[in-house]
Amino acid sequence: MIQFCSHCGHTVVFETPPGDNLPRHVCPACGHIHYENPRLIVGCIATWEDRILLCKRAIEPRLGYWTLPAGFMENGESTAAAARRETLEEAGADPLIGPPFAMISIPHISQIHLFYLGQLANGEYAAGEESLAVGLYREEEIPWQELSFRSVHFCLERFLDDRRKGHYQFHEQVFGPDGCY
């Protein structure tokens, strides 16, 4: 929650600005409107031969659970650059980023998860600061019961299904607090 204006330091009020249809944090002193927008989490389904790169989380939420390398996009970078950076940071792996593969909207926590397809430039990887372990897994080795998030489960299921079909397509999903819409 925003309490003070980032432009002038005055206390903000929560109201619907003229011409808008949603309440926002507005500074009554300088008129600046503080917009809060969803956070974009970007990641990569990085593969090497027939295996998928997974990371065991060293941070909350879901400490100790397995995930695809992903994280918050930074200002000033493209989504593809964010997917590559997160894979380098979390898994010490350098992926060649391919096309977008899946987008999952999670409105109740104001997040959008975007995953790209990727190929590792080589088979090298190493756990980064946010990973307890990193590994390449064949389909039958994936720790399904230990996956961190529904978005990761969704991506892996769609990826494996598309791989069996020999054709990758873009997937989109919305997750509510208790499941899919």
Foldseek 3Di string as FASTA:
>chain_A
DDQADPVPGAGWDFQADPPGDHTFTAHPPPGDTDDDAFWEKEAEQEAEDQWTKWFQFCDDDLHRFIFGQIGTDDPPDDSQVRHQVSCCQAWVFGWDWDAWAEWEAEPVRRYIYTYTYTYTPDPDTAGHPGGPGMDIGHPVRDPQVRHRDPVRVVRVVLVVVCVVVVHGDHYYFYAYPVGTD
